[in-house]
Amino acid sequence: MKIYARIIAFLCALVMLTACFAGCANTNDPETTTENAQTQNPGDSGPAETEQRVDKDGYELDDLPEELDYKQETVTILYWLDVERPEFEILADEVGLDMVKDAIYNRNLAAESRLGVTFEWTGENGDNGDRKNFAAYVKNCYDGGTYYDIIATYSRTSAMLCTAGLLQDINQIENNYIDTDKPWWPESMLETCSIDDSLFFVSGDISTNILHFMYAVYYNMDLLNNLQLEDPIPMVDNMTWTLDKLIQMTTDLYSDDDQSSSPTGLDSYGFCSSYFHLDAFYTGSGLRLVDDDKDGILKVSDDFDSQKAIDLADKLSAWFSQGDCYVSARGETFDEDEPFIEGKAVFIQNRVYMADAQYKSGQGPLRNVEWEFGILPTPLYNEDQEDYITLLGNPITLWSVMTDAKDPSMSTAVIECLASEAYRKTSPALFENNMKYRYTPDVTGKGDSARMFDIIRKNISFDLGRIFSESLSYMSEMPSDAAAEGKSWATLSKQKTNIVKRGMSKLNDSLEAIIGG
């Protein structure tokens, strides 16, 4: 494999996101200035000076040619419908409803105006339960001679379309306008989603779900203070917020409050979560599922059955079995969020949309609680780990160019323009105004919640083992299942690794047929 890390100015995006949102939703051409920006390239001994075009608010501009004009060409875009947040991420038909929806509307309008195109949107059910139906729909369209210019779909569905040969290699498109050095394309996405020298899907600021589905740890400030537990914020800042510290802070906190003689959602706990959220600990510990293979396409990462992975699963299993955690295993039907929502658990691991007013088109479960809560990154595996790492939930949107699209170059220009406009419009609206300041209280007045969100967002991580899960027996959930069920990953890992490797062999055969080995 020949994937090299692309060091891009993603941190610059975070700094720019602190600028005032005023004017970001303006669809008029922004006031443009030119500044010198410092960038670091692999192998350089020091920073180099490069020119960077920014708007009047300091947000970087794209390099799409100003004269690019497709003469009102219709661009057909197939997108997935998310039952939890229908059409919220992709499409907004009118303004004045919500700050983020207004920004999405203005993003789409600006892209149409700048490129001289008209978008024709087609939505198909495509969440986790409809992945196969969505893929079958695309295959039927292709077989029938209908070729969408762009497909925007659930992450795991993109992998299915890729192996079926229904997506183009973006790197092979002549006059490709997607500039992977721009801050709206995260470094981690490009680094981990390239397959050999090919790239079939991209994401970043173009997907608002990137922010909504970041994994984090919420904590109940009131309980923390009442129990006289240590403030975790300084731990995060001092790089001492570790899994061992979380376990220590949640020990001996169980109380049978409803006197049922068995654990229920009305009892008190130190921690609660679900088995399918536990993947965040694996990724957060710096462990990979799939890696680049120098002798082929992809390989099962050596991390998967490593001693570190075994130690992590065993540590989680022992923690959950001691009785202070309310963690659902596969097949269990209880509401693992209930203790935290009821103010009876100190910590919960979940996606940040828990505090999102748009969650399930209503109120997020933390929007109306009467106690104060805070947010933290997934803890470090230990203090030797260099940085916090944030797992993304699967319902993020990956954007692709369909095989035999009428003008692949135009498709890449549209994707780049939408991502660029989203970076200046939807991300500031969502991240700065909604998530960092509205979704979490900040009773300390120190901006702690905002800083924690910065840390969480800065270190988002992608893994092809999750994206290609259909082909790899859902390998990401295997260590988590073992931990939730109290089983030994040391015993299971050999058997499970062999199963995944067989799937990897078939996946590589499919990928070699598409990209030519």
Protein backbone atom coordinates (compact mmCIF):
# COMPACT_ATOMS: atom_id res chain seq x y z
CA MET A 1 0.00 0.00 0.00
CA LYS A 2 1.14 3.43 -0.79
CA ILE A 3 -0.85 5.72 1.47
CA TYR A 4 1.03 8.63 2.91
CA ALA A 5 -0.31 10.90 5.61
CA ARG A 6 -1.54 14.15 4.21
CA ILE A 7 -0.83 16.82 6.79
CA ILE A 8 -3.49 19.42 6.19
CA ALA A 9 -4.61 22.52 7.93
CA PHE A 10 -7.41 20.87 9.90
CA LEU A 11 -6.39 22.64 13.08
CA CYS A 12 -6.73 25.91 11.18
CA ALA A 13 -10.40 25.06 10.70
CA LEU A 14 -10.89 24.81 14.42
CA VAL A 15 -9.25 28.17 15.01
CA MET A 16 -11.32 29.75 12.26
CA LEU A 17 -14.52 28.28 13.73
CA THR A 18 -14.18 30.60 16.70
CA ALA A 19 -14.84 33.59 14.43
CA CYS A 20 -18.23 35.32 14.67
CA PHE A 21 -21.00 33.62 12.71
CA ALA A 22 -22.36 36.96 11.50
CA GLY A 23 -22.19 37.08 7.73
CA CYS A 24 -21.42 33.37 7.34
CA ALA A 25 -24.88 32.65 5.97
CA ASN A 26 -24.59 35.44 3.38
CA THR A 27 -24.82 33.95 -0.10
CA ASN A 28 -23.16 36.95 -1.72
CA ASP A 29 -19.52 36.62 -2.79
CA PRO A 30 -17.36 37.01 0.32
CA GLU A 31 -14.83 39.76 0.68
CA THR A 32 -11.56 38.07 -0.20
CA THR A 33 -8.15 38.74 1.28
CA THR A 34 -4.83 36.98 0.89
CA GLU A 35 -2.74 35.98 3.87
CA ASN A 36 0.43 34.00 4.45
CA ALA A 37 -0.33 30.73 6.23
CA GLN A 38 2.17 28.32 7.71
CA THR A 39 1.88 24.72 6.63
CA GLN A 40 3.98 21.67 7.48
CA ASN A 41 4.72 19.06 4.84
CA PRO A 42 5.95 15.53 5.56
CA GLY A 43 9.72 15.50 5.74
CA ASP A 44 10.09 19.25 6.22
CA SER A 45 12.25 20.40 9.06
CA GLY A 46 10.20 23.52 9.59
CA PRO A 47 7.10 25.44 8.46
CA ALA A 48 6.86 26.85 4.96
CA GLU A 49 5.14 30.02 3.81
CA THR A 50 2.20 29.55 1.45
CA GLU A 51 -0.50 31.90 0.24
CA GLN A 52 -3.99 31.32 1.54
CA ARG A 53 -7.13 33.06 0.36
CA VAL A 54 -9.58 33.84 3.14
CA ASP A 55 -12.85 35.72 3.42
CA LYS A 56 -13.48 38.77 5.59
CA ASP A 57 -14.18 36.57 8.63
CA GLY A 58 -10.95 34.60 8.29
CA TYR A 59 -12.41 31.44 6.75
CA GLU A 60 -10.31 29.87 4.01
CA LEU A 61 -11.72 29.97 0.47
CA ASP A 62 -11.57 27.24 -2.14
CA ASP A 63 -9.56 27.49 -5.35
CA LEU A 64 -12.36 26.68 -7.78
CA PRO A 65 -11.93 28.82 -10.91
CA GLU A 66 -14.18 31.88 -10.79
CA GLU A 67 -15.03 31.39 -14.45
CA LEU A 68 -16.36 27.86 -13.84
CA ASP A 69 -19.90 27.94 -15.26
CA TYR A 70 -21.94 24.89 -16.23
CA LYS A 71 -24.72 26.92 -17.93
CA GLN A 72 -27.50 25.78 -15.57
CA GLU A 73 -26.71 22.10 -16.07
CA THR A 74 -28.86 19.86 -13.87
CA VAL A 75 -26.84 17.97 -11.28
CA THR A 76 -28.62 14.86 -10.03
CA ILE A 77 -27.86 13.96 -6.41
CA LEU A 78 -29.06 10.75 -4.76
CA TYR A 79 -29.04 11.00 -0.97
CA TRP A 80 -30.06 8.81 1.94
CA LEU A 81 -33.01 9.53 4.18
CA ASP A 82 -32.19 9.21 7.88
CA VAL A 83 -35.23 8.25 9.93
CA GLU A 84 -33.77 9.85 13.06
CA ARG A 85 -33.09 13.22 11.43
CA PRO A 86 -34.92 13.20 8.08
CA GLU A 87 -33.34 15.41 5.39
CA PHE A 88 -31.75 17.57 8.06
CA GLU A 89 -28.18 16.93 6.97
CA ILE A 90 -28.51 17.18 3.20
CA LEU A 91 -31.44 19.32 2.25
CA ALA A 92 -33.40 22.28 3.59
CA ASP A 93 -36.22 23.70 1.49
CA GLU A 94 -36.74 27.04 3.20
CA VAL A 95 -35.12 29.51 5.54
CA GLY A 96 -36.24 30.92 8.87
CA LEU A 97 -36.77 27.55 10.59
CA ASP A 98 -33.46 26.91 12.31
CA MET A 99 -29.97 28.41 12.22
CA VAL A 100 -28.36 25.20 10.93
CA LYS A 101 -31.12 24.47 8.41
CA ASP A 102 -30.79 28.03 7.16
CA ALA A 103 -27.07 27.46 6.73
CA ILE A 104 -27.65 24.22 4.78
CA TYR A 105 -30.15 26.01 2.55
CA ASN A 106 -27.68 28.83 1.92
CA ARG A 107 -24.84 26.39 1.31
CA ASN A 108 -26.81 24.65 -1.44
CA LEU A 109 -27.96 27.94 -2.92
CA ALA A 110 -24.43 29.35 -2.98
CA ALA A 111 -23.05 26.26 -4.73
CA GLU A 112 -25.75 26.43 -7.42
CA SER A 113 -25.10 30.12 -7.97
CA ARG A 114 -21.31 29.89 -8.07
CA LEU A 115 -21.17 26.94 -10.48
CA GLY A 116 -24.18 27.77 -12.63
CA VAL A 117 -25.95 24.48 -11.88
CA THR A 118 -29.36 23.35 -10.70
CA PHE A 119 -29.57 20.58 -8.13
CA GLU A 120 -32.10 17.79 -8.56
CA TRP A 121 -32.33 15.87 -5.28
CA THR A 122 -33.60 12.30 -4.96
CA GLY A 123 -34.01 10.84 -1.47
CA GLU A 124 -34.17 7.12 -0.73
CA ASN A 125 -34.45 5.40 2.64
CA GLY A 126 -30.89 4.50 3.50
CA ASP A 127 -30.23 4.22 7.22
CA ASN A 128 -28.64 1.13 8.75
CA GLY A 129 -31.66 -1.10 8.17
CA ASP A 130 -32.10 0.03 4.55
CA ARG A 131 -28.50 -0.26 3.36
CA LYS A 132 -29.10 -3.28 1.12
CA ASN A 133 -32.23 -1.72 -0.36
CA PHE A 134 -30.37 1.51 -1.09
CA ALA A 135 -27.52 -0.39 -2.75
CA ALA A 136 -30.01 -2.45 -4.78
CA TYR A 137 -31.72 0.77 -5.90
CA VAL A 138 -28.42 2.17 -7.17
CA LYS A 139 -27.62 -1.11 -8.96
CA ASN A 140 -31.05 -1.14 -10.63
CA CYS A 141 -30.55 2.48 -11.71
CA TYR A 142 -27.16 1.64 -13.18
CA ASP A 143 -28.42 -1.46 -14.99
CA GLY A 144 -31.31 0.60 -16.36
CA GLY A 145 -29.04 3.38 -17.67
CA THR A 146 -29.75 5.98 -14.97
CA TYR A 147 -26.53 7.47 -13.64
CA TYR A 148 -26.61 9.96 -10.80
CA ASP A 149 -23.94 12.63 -10.82
CA ILE A 150 -23.37 12.35 -7.07
CA ILE A 151 -24.32 9.84 -4.38
CA ALA A 152 -24.40 10.93 -0.72
CA THR A 153 -25.16 8.02 1.56
CA TYR A 154 -24.71 6.24 4.89
CA SER A 155 -21.07 5.32 5.42
CA ARG A 156 -21.43 1.55 5.29
CA THR A 157 -23.60 1.76 2.19
CA SER A 158 -20.81 3.56 0.36
CA ALA A 159 -18.59 0.54 0.94
CA MET A 160 -21.22 -1.75 -0.56
CA LEU A 161 -21.50 0.49 -3.63
CA CYS A 162 -17.73 0.59 -3.93
CA THR A 163 -17.27 -3.20 -3.98
CA ALA A 164 -20.11 -3.45 -6.53
CA GLY A 165 -18.18 -1.18 -8.90
CA LEU A 166 -20.80 1.58 -8.75
CA LEU A 167 -18.47 4.38 -7.60
CA GLN A 168 -15.68 6.10 -9.50
CA ASP A 169 -12.13 6.45 -8.25
CA ILE A 170 -12.03 10.18 -7.54
CA ASN A 171 -8.25 10.22 -7.98
CA GLN A 172 -8.63 9.00 -11.56
CA ILE A 173 -11.13 11.65 -12.64
CA GLU A 174 -9.64 14.07 -15.16
CA ASN A 175 -9.85 17.69 -13.98
CA ASN A 176 -10.72 16.62 -10.46
CA TYR A 177 -11.56 19.71 -8.40
CA ILE A 178 -11.54 18.10 -4.94
CA ASP A 179 -8.58 19.66 -3.14
CA THR A 180 -7.67 17.32 -0.31
CA ASP A 181 -5.29 19.88 1.20
CA LYS A 182 -8.19 22.12 2.20
CA PRO A 183 -9.41 22.19 5.81
CA TRP A 184 -12.92 20.98 4.97
CA TRP A 185 -11.39 17.54 4.24
CA PRO A 186 -10.05 16.15 7.55
CA GLU A 187 -6.62 14.57 7.53
CA SER A 188 -7.90 11.40 9.15
CA MET A 189 -10.52 10.88 6.42
CA LEU A 190 -8.01 11.08 3.61
CA GLU A 191 -5.39 9.05 5.39
CA THR A 192 -7.62 6.14 6.30
CA CYS A 193 -10.18 6.02 3.48
CA SER A 194 -7.76 5.83 0.58
CA ILE A 195 -7.56 2.29 -0.82
CA ASP A 196 -4.13 1.80 -2.32
CA ASP A 197 -3.89 4.97 -4.44
CA SER A 198 -7.65 5.18 -4.97
CA LEU A 199 -10.31 7.24 -3.23
CA PHE A 200 -13.97 6.33 -3.71
CA PHE A 201 -15.66 8.46 -1.03
CA VAL A 202 -14.97 11.62 0.91
CA SER A 203 -16.47 13.46 3.85
CA GLY A 204 -15.80 16.26 6.27
CA ASP A 205 -17.59 19.57 6.80
CA ILE A 206 -19.92 18.56 3.95
CA SER A 207 -21.56 16.14 6.44
CA THR A 208 -23.12 17.74 9.51
CA ASN A 209 -23.38 14.23 10.96
CA ILE A 210 -19.60 14.28 11.36
CA LEU A 211 -20.22 16.59 14.32
CA HIS A 212 -23.47 15.05 15.57
CA PHE A 213 -22.06 11.51 15.70
CA MET A 214 -18.79 12.19 17.49
CA TYR A 215 -18.44 9.97 20.55
CA ALA A 216 -17.93 11.64 23.89
CA VAL A 217 -18.41 11.09 27.62
CA TYR A 218 -21.06 13.20 29.36
CA TYR A 219 -20.97 13.69 33.12
CA ASN A 220 -23.46 14.89 35.71
CA MET A 221 -21.89 17.93 37.37
CA ASP A 222 -24.28 17.87 40.31
CA LEU A 223 -23.58 14.21 41.14
CA LEU A 224 -19.86 14.74 40.68
CA ASN A 225 -19.89 17.53 43.24
CA ASN A 226 -22.22 15.74 45.66
CA LEU A 227 -20.00 12.67 45.63
CA GLN A 228 -16.92 14.88 46.00
CA LEU A 229 -15.30 13.38 42.93
CA GLU A 230 -12.35 15.02 41.23
CA ASP A 231 -13.05 17.54 38.47
CA PRO A 232 -12.22 15.77 35.17
CA ILE A 233 -11.59 18.98 33.19
CA PRO A 234 -8.06 19.54 34.58
CA MET A 235 -7.36 15.86 33.90
CA VAL A 236 -8.22 16.35 30.23
CA ASP A 237 -5.99 19.42 30.06
CA ASN A 238 -3.13 17.62 31.85
CA MET A 239 -3.47 14.47 29.70
CA THR A 240 -4.31 12.36 32.76
CA TRP A 241 -7.94 11.63 31.77
CA THR A 242 -7.44 7.89 31.27
CA LEU A 243 -9.61 4.79 31.26
CA ASP A 244 -8.18 3.78 34.61
CA LYS A 245 -9.20 7.16 36.02
CA LEU A 246 -12.74 6.77 34.72
CA ILE A 247 -12.97 3.29 36.25
CA GLN A 248 -11.64 4.59 39.56
CA MET A 249 -14.18 7.42 39.65
CA THR A 250 -17.11 5.08 38.97
CA THR A 251 -16.25 2.37 41.48
CA ASP A 252 -18.50 1.61 44.49
CA LEU A 253 -21.31 3.91 43.31
CA TYR A 254 -24.10 1.36 42.71
CA SER A 255 -27.21 1.73 44.84
CA ASP A 256 -30.40 -0.36 44.61
CA ASP A 257 -32.60 2.72 44.80
CA ASP A 258 -35.83 1.03 43.75
CA GLN A 259 -35.20 -1.89 46.11
CA SER A 260 -35.92 -4.42 43.39
CA SER A 261 -32.90 -6.55 44.31
CA SER A 262 -31.72 -6.39 40.70
CA PRO A 263 -30.14 -3.66 38.53
CA THR A 264 -32.70 -1.40 36.82
CA GLY A 265 -32.67 1.95 35.10
CA LEU A 266 -33.92 3.59 38.31
CA ASP A 267 -30.87 2.58 40.35
CA SER A 268 -27.70 4.65 40.81
CA TYR A 269 -24.52 3.87 38.85
CA GLY A 270 -21.10 5.24 38.10
CA PHE A 271 -21.33 4.70 34.33
CA CYS A 272 -23.81 3.61 31.67
CA SER A 273 -23.67 2.90 27.94
CA SER A 274 -24.49 0.29 25.28
CA TYR A 275 -22.36 -2.46 23.75
CA PHE A 276 -22.35 -0.75 20.35
CA HIS A 277 -20.97 2.46 21.87
CA LEU A 278 -18.03 0.61 23.41
CA ASP A 279 -16.17 0.73 20.08
CA ALA A 280 -15.24 4.26 21.14
CA PHE A 281 -12.88 2.81 23.77
CA TYR A 282 -11.13 0.65 21.14
CA THR A 283 -10.57 3.55 18.75
CA GLY A 284 -9.96 5.95 21.61
CA SER A 285 -7.10 3.72 22.77
CA GLY A 286 -5.29 4.22 19.46
CA LEU A 287 -6.21 0.78 18.08
CA ARG A 288 -6.98 0.23 14.41
CA LEU A 289 -9.18 -2.37 12.70
CA VAL A 290 -7.84 -2.25 9.15
CA ASP A 291 -4.48 -1.07 7.89
CA ASP A 292 -2.66 -0.48 4.64
CA ASP A 293 -0.97 -3.62 3.32
CA LYS A 294 2.34 -2.97 1.56
CA ASP A 295 2.02 -6.31 -0.25
CA GLY A 296 -1.64 -5.99 -1.26
CA ILE A 297 -4.67 -3.78 -0.70
CA LEU A 298 -5.89 -3.93 2.90
CA LYS A 299 -5.13 -6.12 5.88
CA VAL A 300 -6.59 -6.81 9.29
CA SER A 301 -4.63 -4.56 11.62
CA ASP A 302 -2.12 -6.19 13.93
CA ASP A 303 -3.93 -4.25 16.68
CA PHE A 304 -7.04 -6.40 16.37
CA ASP A 305 -5.72 -9.42 18.31
CA SER A 306 -2.85 -7.63 20.00
CA GLN A 307 -2.08 -7.86 23.71
CA LYS A 308 -3.20 -4.26 24.08
CA ALA A 309 -6.63 -5.07 22.58
CA ILE A 310 -6.90 -8.10 24.87
CA ASP A 311 -5.95 -6.06 27.92
CA LEU A 312 -8.47 -3.35 26.97
CA ALA A 313 -11.36 -5.82 26.54
CA ASP A 314 -10.48 -7.61 29.77
CA LYS A 315 -10.29 -4.32 31.66
CA LEU A 316 -13.70 -3.24 30.33
CA SER A 317 -15.22 -6.65 31.09
CA ALA A 318 -13.98 -6.57 34.70
CA TRP A 319 -15.25 -3.02 35.11
CA PHE A 320 -18.73 -3.83 33.83
CA SER A 321 -19.02 -6.99 35.93
CA GLN A 322 -18.30 -5.27 39.25
CA GLY A 323 -21.86 -3.86 39.34
CA ASP A 324 -21.26 -0.12 39.09
CA CYS A 325 -22.04 0.07 35.36
CA TYR A 326 -25.33 -0.21 33.50
CA VAL A 327 -24.16 -1.48 30.09
CA SER A 328 -26.40 -3.31 27.66
CA ALA A 329 -25.07 -6.35 25.81
CA ARG A 330 -26.24 -7.50 22.38
CA GLY A 331 -29.82 -8.77 22.53
CA GLU A 332 -30.72 -6.94 25.75
CA THR A 333 -33.62 -4.52 25.43
CA PHE A 334 -33.31 -2.20 28.43
CA ASP A 335 -32.68 1.52 27.98
CA GLU A 336 -29.03 1.95 28.94
CA ASP A 337 -29.36 5.78 28.83
CA GLU A 338 -32.10 5.85 31.50
CA PRO A 339 -29.94 6.14 34.63
CA PHE A 340 -28.06 9.13 33.27
CA ILE A 341 -31.17 10.89 31.97
CA GLU A 342 -32.82 10.31 35.37
CA GLY A 343 -29.82 11.91 37.08
CA LYS A 344 -28.69 8.65 38.68
CA ALA A 345 -25.43 7.94 36.80
CA VAL A 346 -22.31 10.06 36.97
CA PHE A 347 -21.00 9.26 33.46
CA ILE A 348 -22.39 8.09 30.14
CA GLN A 349 -20.71 7.30 26.85
CA ASN A 350 -22.74 8.26 23.80
CA ARG A 351 -22.75 10.41 20.69
CA VAL A 352 -22.89 14.16 21.17
CA TYR A 353 -26.39 14.33 19.71
CA MET A 354 -27.70 13.39 23.16
CA ALA A 355 -27.94 17.12 23.84
CA ASP A 356 -29.08 17.99 20.32
CA ALA A 357 -32.45 19.70 19.93
CA GLN A 358 -32.75 18.14 16.45
CA TYR A 359 -32.34 14.55 17.66
CA LYS A 360 -35.18 12.42 16.30
CA SER A 361 -36.89 15.62 15.11
CA GLY A 362 -37.63 16.57 18.69
CA GLN A 363 -35.81 17.14 21.93
CA GLY A 364 -32.55 15.44 22.71
CA PRO A 365 -32.78 13.47 25.99
CA LEU A 366 -30.56 15.96 27.81
CA ARG A 367 -32.33 19.11 26.67
CA ASN A 368 -34.75 19.31 29.58
CA VAL A 369 -32.86 17.81 32.51
CA GLU A 370 -32.86 19.94 35.66
CA TRP A 371 -29.23 19.32 36.57
CA GLU A 372 -26.03 20.56 34.96
CA PHE A 373 -23.93 18.35 32.73
CA GLY A 374 -20.56 18.58 31.05
CA ILE A 375 -18.80 16.80 28.22
CA LEU A 376 -15.39 15.12 27.89
CA PRO A 377 -13.40 13.30 25.21
CA THR A 378 -13.10 9.53 25.27
CA PRO A 379 -10.40 8.81 27.85
CA LEU A 380 -6.84 7.91 26.92
CA TYR A 381 -5.82 4.26 27.20
CA ASN A 382 -3.01 5.40 29.49
CA GLU A 383 -0.85 8.46 30.04
CA ASP A 384 1.64 7.30 27.40
CA GLN A 385 -0.93 7.98 24.67
CA GLU A 386 -0.12 11.15 22.75
CA ASP A 387 -3.63 12.51 22.24
CA TYR A 388 -7.35 11.87 22.64
CA ILE A 389 -9.00 10.08 19.71
CA THR A 390 -12.68 10.46 18.82
CA LEU A 391 -14.66 7.70 17.15
CA LEU A 392 -17.43 8.64 14.73
CA GLY A 393 -20.75 6.81 14.71
CA ASN A 394 -21.65 5.01 11.50
CA PRO A 395 -24.46 7.37 10.36
CA ILE A 396 -22.09 9.84 8.73
CA THR A 397 -22.49 10.70 5.06
CA LEU A 398 -19.86 9.78 2.48
CA TRP A 399 -20.00 11.57 -0.88
CA SER A 400 -19.09 9.84 -4.16
CA VAL A 401 -19.24 10.13 -7.94
CA MET A 402 -21.34 7.37 -9.49
CA THR A 403 -19.82 5.20 -12.19
CA ASP A 404 -20.71 6.59 -15.65
CA ALA A 405 -21.89 9.94 -14.29
CA LYS A 406 -22.28 12.28 -17.26
CA ASP A 407 -19.52 14.73 -16.26
CA PRO A 408 -17.33 13.41 -13.41
CA SER A 409 -15.26 16.60 -13.36
CA MET A 410 -18.41 18.66 -12.76
CA SER A 411 -19.40 16.25 -9.99
CA THR A 412 -16.09 16.86 -8.21
CA ALA A 413 -16.52 20.63 -8.60
CA VAL A 414 -19.95 20.40 -6.95
CA ILE A 415 -18.68 18.24 -4.08
CA GLU A 416 -15.76 20.61 -3.48
CA CYS A 417 -18.01 23.67 -3.61
CA LEU A 418 -20.59 22.16 -1.23
CA ALA A 419 -17.84 21.18 1.22
CA SER A 420 -16.17 24.58 0.99
CA GLU A 421 -19.44 26.44 1.52
CA ALA A 422 -20.34 24.10 4.40
CA TYR A 423 -17.02 24.89 6.08
CA ARG A 424 -17.92 28.58 6.10
CA LYS A 425 -21.67 28.26 6.67
CA THR A 426 -23.03 25.07 8.23
CA SER A 427 -20.08 24.13 10.46
CA PRO A 428 -19.91 27.53 12.18
CA ALA A 429 -23.68 27.49 12.66
CA LEU A 430 -23.71 23.96 14.03
CA PHE A 431 -20.47 23.83 15.97
CA GLU A 432 -20.06 27.30 17.38
CA ASN A 433 -23.64 28.48 17.87
CA ASN A 434 -25.49 25.23 18.48
CA MET A 435 -23.16 22.61 19.84
CA LYS A 436 -20.43 24.31 21.84
CA TYR A 437 -22.57 26.98 23.43
CA ARG A 438 -26.19 25.87 23.27
CA TYR A 439 -26.02 22.11 23.73
CA THR A 440 -23.95 22.11 26.90
CA PRO A 441 -24.20 24.47 29.86
CA ASP A 442 -21.10 26.18 31.15
CA VAL A 443 -21.82 27.06 34.73
CA THR A 444 -18.15 27.67 35.48
CA GLY A 445 -17.94 30.58 33.07
CA LYS A 446 -14.51 29.31 31.96
CA GLY A 447 -15.53 28.05 28.53
CA ASP A 448 -14.79 24.46 29.53
CA SER A 449 -17.57 22.92 27.42
CA ALA A 450 -16.39 24.78 24.33
CA ARG A 451 -12.81 23.68 24.88
CA MET A 452 -13.85 20.07 25.34
CA PHE A 453 -15.78 20.18 22.07
CA ASP A 454 -12.66 21.55 20.36
CA ILE A 455 -10.62 18.61 21.64
CA ILE A 456 -13.30 16.10 20.64
CA ARG A 457 -13.66 17.49 17.14
CA LYS A 458 -9.95 17.98 16.52
CA ASN A 459 -9.19 14.28 16.81
CA ILE A 460 -11.99 12.55 14.87
CA SER A 461 -10.98 9.18 13.45
CA PHE A 462 -12.16 6.99 10.58
CA ASP A 463 -11.46 3.31 9.98
CA LEU A 464 -12.14 1.22 6.88
CA GLY A 465 -12.89 -1.69 9.20
CA ARG A 466 -16.07 0.11 10.22
CA ILE A 467 -16.95 1.37 6.74
CA PHE A 468 -16.48 -2.07 5.13
CA SER A 469 -18.15 -3.86 8.04
CA GLU A 470 -20.56 -5.70 5.72
CA SER A 471 -17.61 -7.56 4.21
CA LEU A 472 -15.71 -7.99 7.48
CA SER A 473 -18.32 -9.62 9.74
CA TYR A 474 -18.79 -6.37 11.71
CA MET A 475 -15.33 -6.71 13.19
CA SER A 476 -15.50 -3.41 15.05
CA GLU A 477 -18.14 -4.85 17.39
CA MET A 478 -16.29 -8.06 18.25
CA PRO A 479 -14.03 -6.79 21.06
CA SER A 480 -16.90 -4.65 22.37
CA ASP A 481 -19.25 -7.62 22.43
CA ALA A 482 -16.70 -9.65 24.36
CA ALA A 483 -16.34 -6.88 26.95
CA ALA A 484 -20.09 -6.31 27.31
CA GLU A 485 -20.77 -10.04 27.68
CA GLY A 486 -17.90 -10.67 30.11
CA LYS A 487 -16.05 -12.96 27.71
CA SER A 488 -12.30 -13.21 27.17
CA TRP A 489 -11.05 -11.47 24.02
CA ALA A 490 -7.81 -13.47 24.36
CA THR A 491 -9.86 -16.63 23.79
CA LEU A 492 -12.18 -15.23 21.13
CA SER A 493 -9.72 -13.12 19.16
CA LYS A 494 -7.96 -15.99 17.36
CA GLN A 495 -11.23 -17.45 16.08
CA LYS A 496 -12.67 -14.04 15.20
CA THR A 497 -9.47 -12.89 13.48
CA ASN A 498 -9.55 -15.92 11.19
CA ILE A 499 -13.16 -15.15 10.26
CA VAL A 500 -12.31 -11.52 9.51
CA LYS A 501 -9.23 -12.47 7.48
CA ARG A 502 -11.35 -14.69 5.24
CA GLY A 503 -13.67 -11.75 4.67
CA MET A 504 -10.68 -9.50 4.02
CA SER A 505 -9.39 -11.88 1.35
CA LYS A 506 -12.71 -11.69 -0.51
CA LEU A 507 -12.87 -7.92 -0.05
CA ASN A 508 -9.38 -7.52 -1.50
CA ASP A 509 -10.37 -9.66 -4.49
CA SER A 510 -13.29 -7.30 -5.14
CA LEU A 511 -11.14 -4.21 -4.71
CA GLU A 512 -8.37 -5.56 -6.95
CA ALA A 513 -10.92 -6.15 -9.71
CA ILE A 514 -11.98 -2.50 -9.42
CA ILE A 515 -8.65 -0.72 -9.02
CA GLY A 516 -6.45 -3.16 -10.93
CA GLY A 517 -4.42 -4.51 -8.03
